[in-house]
Amino acid sequence: RLDARPVHPKALDDTDPLHAARAAEVTSLWRLAPK
């Protein structure tokens, strides 16, 4: 799994009603394969 933190402006806007969730957000690339 590779992770990246958000860089969009809403993640830094503490007046946004969803700021806590946006600031904690992580975008991941999951590498999957059959068992």
PDB file of all heavy atoms in Angstrom:
ATOM      1  N   ARG A   1       0.855  -1.196   0.000  1.00  0.00           N
ATOM      2  CA  ARG A   1       0.000   0.000   0.000  1.00  0.00           C
ATOM      3  C   ARG A   1       0.883   1.235   0.000  1.00  0.00           C
ATOM      4  O   ARG A   1       1.856   1.312   0.744  1.00  0.00           O
ATOM      5  CB  ARG A   1      -0.907  -0.002   1.226  1.00  0.00           C
ATOM      6  CG  ARG A   1      -2.057   0.969   1.138  1.00  0.00           C
ATOM      7  CD  ARG A   1      -2.899   0.933   2.404  1.00  0.00           C
ATOM      8  NE  ARG A   1      -2.343   1.813   3.423  1.00  0.00           N
ATOM      9  CZ  ARG A   1      -2.804   1.900   4.673  1.00  0.00           C
ATOM     10  NH1 ARG A   1      -3.798   1.108   5.059  1.00  0.00           N
ATOM     11  NH2 ARG A   1      -2.260   2.713   5.536  1.00  0.00           N
ATOM     12  N   LEU A   2       0.525   2.193  -0.857  1.00  0.00           N
ATOM     13  CA  LEU A   2       1.197   3.485  -0.886  1.00  0.00           C
ATOM     14  C   LEU A   2       0.206   4.540  -0.415  1.00  0.00           C
ATOM     15  O   LEU A   2      -0.960   4.522  -0.819  1.00  0.00           O
ATOM     16  CB  LEU A   2       1.681   3.827  -2.294  1.00  0.00           C
ATOM     17  CG  LEU A   2       2.940   3.112  -2.814  1.00  0.00           C
ATOM     18  CD1 LEU A   2       2.633   1.656  -3.137  1.00  0.00           C
ATOM     19  CD2 LEU A   2       3.464   3.833  -4.062  1.00  0.00           C
ATOM     20  N   ASP A   3       0.635   5.458   0.421  1.00  0.00           N
ATOM     21  CA  ASP A   3      -0.241   6.476   0.985  1.00  0.00           C
ATOM     22  C   ASP A   3       0.209   7.874   0.578  1.00  0.00           C
ATOM     23  O   ASP A   3       1.400   8.121   0.335  1.00  0.00           O
ATOM     24  CB  ASP A   3      -0.253   6.399   2.516  1.00  0.00           C
ATOM     25  CG  ASP A   3      -0.815   5.087   3.039  1.00  0.00           C
ATOM     26  OD1 ASP A   3      -1.649   4.485   2.325  1.00  0.00           O
ATOM     27  OD2 ASP A   3      -0.431   4.679   4.146  1.00  0.00           O
ATOM     28  N   ALA A   4      -0.764   8.778   0.513  1.00  0.00           N
ATOM     29  CA  ALA A   4      -0.472  10.189   0.219  1.00  0.00           C
ATOM     30  C   ALA A   4      -1.411  11.056   1.049  1.00  0.00           C
ATOM     31  O   ALA A   4      -2.604  10.763   1.171  1.00  0.00           O
ATOM     32  CB  ALA A   4      -0.652  10.482  -1.267  1.00  0.00           C
ATOM     33  N   ARG A   5      -0.850  12.105   1.607  1.00  0.00           N
ATOM     34  CA  ARG A   5      -1.658  13.061   2.370  1.00  0.00           C
ATOM     35  C   ARG A   5      -2.312  14.048   1.414  1.00  0.00           C
ATOM     36  O   ARG A   5      -1.790  14.336   0.337  1.00  0.00           O
ATOM     37  CB  ARG A   5      -0.777  13.818   3.361  1.00  0.00           C
ATOM     38  CG  ARG A   5      -0.045  12.936   4.354  1.00  0.00           C
ATOM     39  CD  ARG A   5      -0.972  12.300   5.358  1.00  0.00           C
ATOM     40  NE  ARG A   5      -1.728  13.293   6.115  1.00  0.00           N
ATOM     41  CZ  ARG A   5      -2.577  12.988   7.095  1.00  0.00           C
ATOM     42  NH1 ARG A   5      -2.769  11.714   7.417  1.00  0.00           N
ATOM     43  NH2 ARG A   5      -3.231  13.927   7.733  1.00  0.00           N
ATOM     44  N   PRO A   6      -3.458  14.614   1.790  1.00  0.00           N
ATOM     45  CA  PRO A   6      -4.136  15.564   0.903  1.00  0.00           C
ATOM     46  C   PRO A   6      -3.362  16.879   0.796  1.00  0.00           C
ATOM     47  O   PRO A   6      -2.718  17.311   1.749  1.00  0.00           O
ATOM     48  CB  PRO A   6      -5.489  15.772   1.580  1.00  0.00           C
ATOM     49  CG  PRO A   6      -5.234  15.484   3.027  1.00  0.00           C
ATOM     50  CD  PRO A   6      -4.202  14.387   3.040  1.00  0.00           C
ATOM     51  N   VAL A   7      -3.427  17.474  -0.370  1.00  0.00           N
ATOM     52  CA  VAL A   7      -2.775  18.764  -0.591  1.00  0.00           C
ATOM     53  C   VAL A   7      -3.778  19.815  -1.060  1.00  0.00           C
ATOM     54  O   VAL A   7      -3.401  20.947  -1.334  1.00  0.00           O
ATOM     55  CB  VAL A   7      -1.635  18.630  -1.633  1.00  0.00           C
ATOM     56  CG1 VAL A   7      -0.523  17.755  -1.091  1.00  0.00           C
ATOM     57  CG2 VAL A   7      -2.169  18.052  -2.941  1.00  0.00           C
ATOM     58  N   HIS A   8      -5.056  19.454  -1.128  1.00  0.00           N
ATOM     59  CA  HIS A   8      -6.045  20.406  -1.617  1.00  0.00           C
ATOM     60  C   HIS A   8      -6.377  21.433  -0.527  1.00  0.00           C
ATOM     61  O   HIS A   8      -6.201  21.164   0.681  1.00  0.00           O
ATOM     62  CB  HIS A   8      -7.315  19.681  -2.071  1.00  0.00           C
ATOM     63  CG  HIS A   8      -7.931  18.809  -1.017  1.00  0.00           C
ATOM     64  ND1 HIS A   8      -8.862  19.263  -0.110  1.00  0.00           N
ATOM     65  CD2 HIS A   8      -7.739  17.503  -0.725  1.00  0.00           C
ATOM     66  CE1 HIS A   8      -9.224  18.276   0.696  1.00  0.00           C
ATOM     67  NE2 HIS A   8      -8.558  17.201   0.336  1.00  0.00           N
ATOM     68  N   PRO A   9      -6.859  22.630  -0.892  1.00  0.00           N
ATOM     69  CA  PRO A   9      -7.062  23.717   0.082  1.00  0.00           C
ATOM     70  C   PRO A   9      -8.008  23.376   1.218  1.00  0.00           C
ATOM     71  O   PRO A   9      -7.833  23.854   2.343  1.00  0.00           O
ATOM     72  CB  PRO A   9      -7.610  24.863  -0.788  1.00  0.00           C
ATOM     73  CG  PRO A   9      -7.124  24.571  -2.165  1.00  0.00           C
ATOM     74  CD  PRO A   9      -7.103  23.083  -2.284  1.00  0.00           C
ATOM     75  N   LYS A  10      -9.048  22.560   0.971  1.00  0.00           N
ATOM     76  CA  LYS A  10     -10.028  22.285   2.023  1.00  0.00           C
ATOM     77  C   LYS A  10      -9.409  21.560   3.212  1.00  0.00           C
ATOM     78  O   LYS A  10      -9.917  21.653   4.331  1.00  0.00           O
ATOM     79  CB  LYS A  10     -11.188  21.472   1.450  1.00  0.00           C
ATOM     80  CG  LYS A  10     -12.158  22.298   0.607  1.00  0.00           C
ATOM     81  CD  LYS A  10     -13.387  21.499   0.238  1.00  0.00           C
ATOM     82  CE  LYS A  10     -14.380  22.358  -0.527  1.00  0.00           C
ATOM     83  NZ  LYS A  10     -15.603  21.597  -0.885  1.00  0.00           N
ATOM     84  N   ALA A  11      -8.328  20.823   2.975  1.00  0.00           N
ATOM     85  CA  ALA A  11      -7.683  20.124   4.077  1.00  0.00           C
ATOM     86  C   ALA A  11      -7.040  21.097   5.065  1.00  0.00           C
ATOM     87  O   ALA A  11      -6.758  20.732   6.210  1.00  0.00           O
ATOM     88  CB  ALA A  11      -6.627  19.161   3.541  1.00  0.00           C
ATOM     89  N   LEU A  12      -6.815  22.335   4.625  1.00  0.00           N
ATOM     90  CA  LEU A  12      -6.176  23.343   5.470  1.00  0.00           C
ATOM     91  C   LEU A  12      -7.158  24.387   5.978  1.00  0.00           C
ATOM     92  O   LEU A  12      -6.770  25.271   6.748  1.00  0.00           O
ATOM     93  CB  LEU A  12      -5.056  24.039   4.685  1.00  0.00           C
ATOM     94  CG  LEU A  12      -4.002  23.111   4.053  1.00  0.00           C
ATOM     95  CD1 LEU A  12      -3.029  23.933   3.214  1.00  0.00           C
ATOM     96  CD2 LEU A  12      -3.268  22.330   5.123  1.00  0.00           C
ATOM     97  N   ASP A  13      -8.424  24.280   5.580  1.00  0.00           N
ATOM     98  CA  ASP A  13      -9.425  25.286   5.923  1.00  0.00           C
ATOM     99  C   ASP A  13     -10.148  24.877   7.208  1.00  0.00           C
ATOM    100  O   ASP A  13     -11.040  24.031   7.189  1.00  0.00           O
ATOM    101  CB  ASP A  13     -10.422  25.436   4.767  1.00  0.00           C
ATOM    102  CG  ASP A  13     -11.486  26.482   5.042  1.00  0.00           C
ATOM    103  OD1 ASP A  13     -11.370  27.195   6.069  1.00  0.00           O
ATOM    104  OD2 ASP A  13     -12.426  26.602   4.237  1.00  0.00           O
ATOM    105  N   ASP A  14      -9.761  25.478   8.340  1.00  0.00           N
ATOM    106  CA  ASP A  14     -10.367  25.074   9.603  1.00  0.00           C
ATOM    107  C   ASP A  14     -11.773  25.622   9.798  1.00  0.00           C
ATOM    108  O   ASP A  14     -12.426  25.339  10.811  1.00  0.00           O
ATOM    109  CB  ASP A  14      -9.472  25.462  10.785  1.00  0.00           C
ATOM    110  CG  ASP A  14      -9.194  26.962  10.846  1.00  0.00           C
ATOM    111  OD1 ASP A  14      -9.811  27.725  10.068  1.00  0.00           O
ATOM    112  OD2 ASP A  14      -8.347  27.368  11.663  1.00  0.00           O
ATOM    113  N   THR A  15     -12.275  26.417   8.841  1.00  0.00           N
ATOM    114  CA  THR A  15     -13.663  26.883   8.907  1.00  0.00           C
ATOM    115  C   THR A  15     -14.607  25.922   8.191  1.00  0.00           C
ATOM    116  O   THR A  15     -15.821  26.066   8.294  1.00  0.00           O
ATOM    117  CB  THR A  15     -13.807  28.278   8.287  1.00  0.00           C
ATOM    118  OG1 THR A  15     -13.523  28.218   6.877  1.00  0.00           O
ATOM    119  CG2 THR A  15     -12.852  29.270   8.941  1.00  0.00           C
ATOM    120  N   ASP A  16     -14.058  24.948   7.464  1.00  0.00           N
ATOM    121  CA  ASP A  16     -14.886  23.965   6.770  1.00  0.00           C
ATOM    122  C   ASP A  16     -15.565  23.064   7.798  1.00  0.00           C
ATOM    123  O   ASP A  16     -14.919  22.576   8.728  1.00  0.00           O
ATOM    124  CB  ASP A  16     -14.004  23.126   5.833  1.00  0.00           C
ATOM    125  CG  ASP A  16     -14.823  22.202   4.950  1.00  0.00           C
ATOM    126  OD1 ASP A  16     -15.384  21.224   5.484  1.00  0.00           O
ATOM    127  OD2 ASP A  16     -14.889  22.436   3.739  1.00  0.00           O
ATOM    128  N   PRO A  17     -16.883  22.814   7.652  1.00  0.00           N
ATOM    129  CA  PRO A  17     -17.583  21.968   8.630  1.00  0.00           C
ATOM    130  C   PRO A  17     -17.005  20.562   8.732  1.00  0.00           C
ATOM    131  O   PRO A  17     -17.162  19.903   9.759  1.00  0.00           O
ATOM    132  CB  PRO A  17     -19.025  21.935   8.096  1.00  0.00           C
ATOM    133  CG  PRO A  17     -19.154  23.148   7.244  1.00  0.00           C
ATOM    134  CD  PRO A  17     -17.808  23.373   6.644  1.00  0.00           C
ATOM    135  N   LEU A  18     -16.347  20.095   7.682  1.00  0.00           N
ATOM    136  CA  LEU A  18     -15.777  18.747   7.680  1.00  0.00           C
ATOM    137  C   LEU A  18     -14.259  18.777   7.814  1.00  0.00           C
ATOM    138  O   LEU A  18     -13.569  17.838   7.408  1.00  0.00           O
ATOM    139  CB  LEU A  18     -16.174  18.023   6.388  1.00  0.00           C
ATOM    140  CG  LEU A  18     -17.676  17.961   6.076  1.00  0.00           C
ATOM    141  CD1 LEU A  18     -17.911  17.217   4.768  1.00  0.00           C
ATOM    142  CD2 LEU A  18     -18.455  17.308   7.215  1.00  0.00           C
ATOM    143  N   HIS A  19     -13.734  19.854   8.405  1.00  0.00           N
ATOM    144  CA  HIS A  19     -12.284  20.044   8.434  1.00  0.00           C
ATOM    145  C   HIS A  19     -11.563  18.899   9.140  1.00  0.00           C
ATOM    146  O   HIS A  19     -10.518  18.426   8.668  1.00  0.00           O
ATOM    147  CB  HIS A  19     -11.937  21.362   9.122  1.00  0.00           C
ATOM    148  CG  HIS A  19     -10.473  21.526   9.403  1.00  0.00           C
ATOM    149  ND1 HIS A  19      -9.540  21.693   8.403  1.00  0.00           N
ATOM    150  CD2 HIS A  19      -9.768  21.499  10.562  1.00  0.00           C
ATOM    151  CE1 HIS A  19      -8.331  21.788   8.931  1.00  0.00           C
ATOM    152  NE2 HIS A  19      -8.442  21.668  10.231  1.00  0.00           N
ATOM    153  N   ALA A  20     -12.091  18.422  10.265  1.00  0.00           N
ATOM    154  CA  ALA A  20     -11.402  17.377  11.021  1.00  0.00           C
ATOM    155  C   ALA A  20     -11.210  16.129  10.171  1.00  0.00           C
ATOM    156  O   ALA A  20     -10.131  15.523  10.164  1.00  0.00           O
ATOM    157  CB  ALA A  20     -12.184  17.046  12.293  1.00  0.00           C
ATOM    158  N   ALA A  21     -12.249  15.748   9.433  1.00  0.00           N
ATOM    159  CA  ALA A  21     -12.150  14.565   8.571  1.00  0.00           C
ATOM    160  C   ALA A  21     -11.209  14.822   7.403  1.00  0.00           C
ATOM    161  O   ALA A  21     -10.390  13.959   7.038  1.00  0.00           O
ATOM    162  CB  ALA A  21     -13.528  14.162   8.063  1.00  0.00           C
ATOM    163  N   ARG A  22     -11.313  15.991   6.797  1.00  0.00           N
ATOM    164  CA  ARG A  22     -10.465  16.289   5.639  1.00  0.00           C
ATOM    165  C   ARG A  22      -8.991  16.365   6.043  1.00  0.00           C
ATOM    166  O   ARG A  22      -8.103  15.944   5.288  1.00  0.00           O
ATOM    167  CB  ARG A  22     -10.899  17.607   5.008  1.00  0.00           C
ATOM    168  CG  ARG A  22     -12.317  17.607   4.432  1.00  0.00           C
ATOM    169  CD  ARG A  22     -12.521  18.847   3.585  1.00  0.00           C
ATOM    170  NE  ARG A  22     -13.909  19.133   3.306  1.00  0.00           N
ATOM    171  CZ  ARG A  22     -14.635  18.552   2.357  1.00  0.00           C
ATOM    172  NH1 ARG A  22     -14.095  17.619   1.605  1.00  0.00           N
ATOM    173  NH2 ARG A  22     -15.896  18.896   2.163  1.00  0.00           N
ATOM    174  N   ALA A  23      -8.704  16.916   7.221  1.00  0.00           N
ATOM    175  CA  ALA A  23      -7.317  17.055   7.658  1.00  0.00           C
ATOM    176  C   ALA A  23      -6.687  15.693   7.973  1.00  0.00           C
ATOM    177  O   ALA A  23      -5.480  15.508   7.833  1.00  0.00           O
ATOM    178  CB  ALA A  23      -7.244  17.956   8.881  1.00  0.00           C
ATOM    179  N   ALA A  24      -7.524  14.728   8.407  1.00  0.00           N
ATOM    180  CA  ALA A  24      -7.011  13.400   8.745  1.00  0.00           C
ATOM    181  C   ALA A  24      -6.973  12.450   7.547  1.00  0.00           C
ATOM    182  O   ALA A  24      -6.413  11.359   7.635  1.00  0.00           O
ATOM    183  CB  ALA A  24      -7.878  12.788   9.848  1.00  0.00           C
ATOM    184  N   GLU A  25      -7.535  12.873   6.423  1.00  0.00           N
ATOM    185  CA  GLU A  25      -7.684  12.000   5.253  1.00  0.00           C
ATOM    186  C   GLU A  25      -6.338  11.518   4.701  1.00  0.00           C
ATOM    187  O   GLU A  25      -5.363  12.272   4.648  1.00  0.00           O
ATOM    188  CB  GLU A  25      -8.442  12.763   4.165  1.00  0.00           C
ATOM    189  CG  GLU A  25      -8.627  12.011   2.866  1.00  0.00           C
ATOM    190  CD  GLU A  25      -9.227  12.895   1.777  1.00  0.00           C
ATOM    191  OE1 GLU A  25      -9.328  14.117   1.985  1.00  0.00           O
ATOM    192  OE2 GLU A  25      -9.571  12.348   0.718  1.00  0.00           O
ATOM    193  N   VAL A  26      -6.330  10.270   4.271  1.00  0.00           N
ATOM    194  CA  VAL A  26      -5.189   9.689   3.570  1.00  0.00           C
ATOM    195  C   VAL A  26      -5.717   8.990   2.324  1.00  0.00           C
ATOM    196  O   VAL A  26      -6.702   8.250   2.388  1.00  0.00           O
ATOM    197  CB  VAL A  26      -4.425   8.683   4.444  1.00  0.00           C
ATOM    198  CG1 VAL A  26      -3.341   7.965   3.637  1.00  0.00           C
ATOM    199  CG2 VAL A  26      -3.811   9.377   5.652  1.00  0.00           C
ATOM    200  N   THR A  27      -5.099   9.245   1.193  1.00  0.00           N
ATOM    201  CA  THR A  27      -5.431   8.535  -0.041  1.00  0.00           C
ATOM    202  C   THR A  27      -4.412   7.420  -0.252  1.00  0.00           C
ATOM    203  O   THR A  27      -3.206   7.659  -0.153  1.00  0.00           O
ATOM    204  CB  THR A  27      -5.428   9.498  -1.239  1.00  0.00           C
ATOM    205  OG1 THR A  27      -6.391  10.526  -1.027  1.00  0.00           O
ATOM    206  CG2 THR A  27      -5.771   8.742  -2.522  1.00  0.00           C
ATOM    207  N   SER A  28      -4.911   6.211  -0.507  1.00  0.00           N
ATOM    208  CA  SER A  28      -4.031   5.048  -0.601  1.00  0.00           C
ATOM    209  C   SER A  28      -4.192   4.342  -1.947  1.00  0.00           C
ATOM    210  O   SER A  28      -5.273   4.320  -2.515  1.00  0.00           O
ATOM    211  CB  SER A  28      -4.334   4.045   0.522  1.00  0.00           C
ATOM    212  OG  SER A  28      -4.156   4.639   1.793  1.00  0.00           O
ATOM    213  N   LEU A  29      -3.102   3.778  -2.411  1.00  0.00           N
ATOM    214  CA  LEU A  29      -3.127   2.862  -3.555  1.00  0.00           C
ATOM    215  C   LEU A  29      -2.874   1.471  -2.993  1.00  0.00           C
ATOM    216  O   LEU A  29      -1.768   1.176  -2.498  1.00  0.00           O
ATOM    217  CB  LEU A  29      -2.069   3.241  -4.591  1.00  0.00           C
ATOM    218  CG  LEU A  29      -2.061   2.429  -5.890  1.00  0.00           C
ATOM    219  CD1 LEU A  29      -1.532   3.269  -7.048  1.00  0.00           C
ATOM    220  CD2 LEU A  29      -1.223   1.137  -5.770  1.00  0.00           C
ATOM    221  N   TRP A  30      -3.901   0.638  -3.039  1.00  0.00           N
ATOM    222  CA  TRP A  30      -3.818  -0.734  -2.560  1.00  0.00           C
ATOM    223  C   TRP A  30      -3.415  -1.645  -3.723  1.00  0.00           C
ATOM    224  O   TRP A  30      -4.104  -1.718  -4.742  1.00  0.00           O
ATOM    225  CB  TRP A  30      -5.162  -1.188  -2.013  1.00  0.00           C
ATOM    226  CG  TRP A  30      -5.677  -0.414  -0.846  1.00  0.00           C
ATOM    227  CD1 TRP A  30      -6.234   0.830  -0.857  1.00  0.00           C
ATOM    228  CD2 TRP A  30      -5.691  -0.833   0.529  1.00  0.00           C
ATOM    229  NE1 TRP A  30      -6.585   1.210   0.410  1.00  0.00           N
ATOM    230  CE2 TRP A  30      -6.271   0.214   1.278  1.00  0.00           C
ATOM    231  CE3 TRP A  30      -5.278  -2.006   1.178  1.00  0.00           C
ATOM    232  CZ2 TRP A  30      -6.443   0.127   2.652  1.00  0.00           C
ATOM    233  CZ3 TRP A  30      -5.448  -2.085   2.552  1.00  0.00           C
ATOM    234  CH2 TRP A  30      -6.017  -1.037   3.286  1.00  0.00           C
ATOM    235  N   ARG A  31      -2.298  -2.358  -3.579  1.00  0.00           N
ATOM    236  CA  ARG A  31      -1.863  -3.324  -4.572  1.00  0.00           C
ATOM    237  C   ARG A  31      -2.447  -4.678  -4.203  1.00  0.00           C
ATOM    238  O   ARG A  31      -2.087  -5.263  -3.173  1.00  0.00           O
ATOM    239  CB  ARG A  31      -0.331  -3.380  -4.637  1.00  0.00           C
ATOM    240  CG  ARG A  31       0.308  -2.071  -5.110  1.00  0.00           C
ATOM    241  CD  ARG A  31       1.818  -2.138  -5.035  1.00  0.00           C
ATOM    242  NE  ARG A  31       2.322  -3.318  -5.722  1.00  0.00           N
ATOM    243  CZ  ARG A  31       3.288  -4.102  -5.231  1.00  0.00           C
ATOM    244  NH1 ARG A  31       3.835  -3.847  -4.060  1.00  0.00           N
ATOM    245  NH2 ARG A  31       3.692  -5.169  -5.917  1.00  0.00           N
ATOM    246  N   LEU A  32      -3.345  -5.174  -5.047  1.00  0.00           N
ATOM    247  CA  LEU A  32      -4.105  -6.388  -4.736  1.00  0.00           C
ATOM    248  C   LEU A  32      -3.816  -7.485  -5.745  1.00  0.00           C
ATOM    249  O   LEU A  32      -3.517  -7.211  -6.918  1.00  0.00           O
ATOM    250  CB  LEU A  32      -5.609  -6.067  -4.753  1.00  0.00           C
ATOM    251  CG  LEU A  32      -6.081  -4.924  -3.858  1.00  0.00           C
ATOM    252  CD1 LEU A  32      -7.554  -4.621  -4.108  1.00  0.00           C
ATOM    253  CD2 LEU A  32      -5.830  -5.231  -2.393  1.00  0.00           C
ATOM    254  N   ALA A  33      -3.940  -8.717  -5.283  1.00  0.00           N
ATOM    255  CA  ALA A  33      -3.766  -9.880  -6.156  1.00  0.00           C
ATOM    256  C   ALA A  33      -4.610 -11.012  -5.604  1.00  0.00           C
ATOM    257  O   ALA A  33      -4.920 -11.050  -4.406  1.00  0.00           O
ATOM    258  CB  ALA A  33      -2.291 -10.294  -6.216  1.00  0.00           C
ATOM    259  N   PRO A  34      -5.000 -11.973  -6.453  1.00  0.00           N
ATOM    260  CA  PRO A  34      -5.738 -13.134  -5.955  1.00  0.00           C
ATOM    261  C   PRO A  34      -4.900 -13.940  -4.979  1.00  0.00           C
ATOM    262  O   PRO A  34      -3.668 -13.982  -5.061  1.00  0.00           O
ATOM    263  CB  PRO A  34      -6.033 -13.951  -7.229  1.00  0.00           C
ATOM    264  CG  PRO A  34      -5.911 -12.965  -8.347  1.00  0.00           C
ATOM    265  CD  PRO A  34      -4.853 -11.988  -7.919  1.00  0.00           C
ATOM    266  N   LYS A  35      -5.576 -14.617  -4.035  1.00  0.00           N
ATOM    267  CA  LYS A  35      -4.862 -15.443  -3.067  1.00  0.00           C
ATOM    268  C   LYS A  35      -4.270 -16.672  -3.755  1.00  0.00           C
ATOM    269  O   LYS A  35      -4.843 -17.194  -4.711  1.00  0.00           O
ATOM    270  CB  LYS A  35      -5.825 -15.888  -1.970  1.00  0.00           C
ATOM    271  CG  LYS A  35      -6.240 -14.742  -1.046  1.00  0.00           C
ATOM    272  CD  LYS A  35      -7.142 -15.263   0.046  1.00  0.00           C
ATOM    273  CE  LYS A  35      -7.541 -14.134   1.001  1.00  0.00           C
ATOM    274  NZ  LYS A  35      -8.425 -14.626   2.079  1.00  0.00           N
TER     275      LYS A  35
END
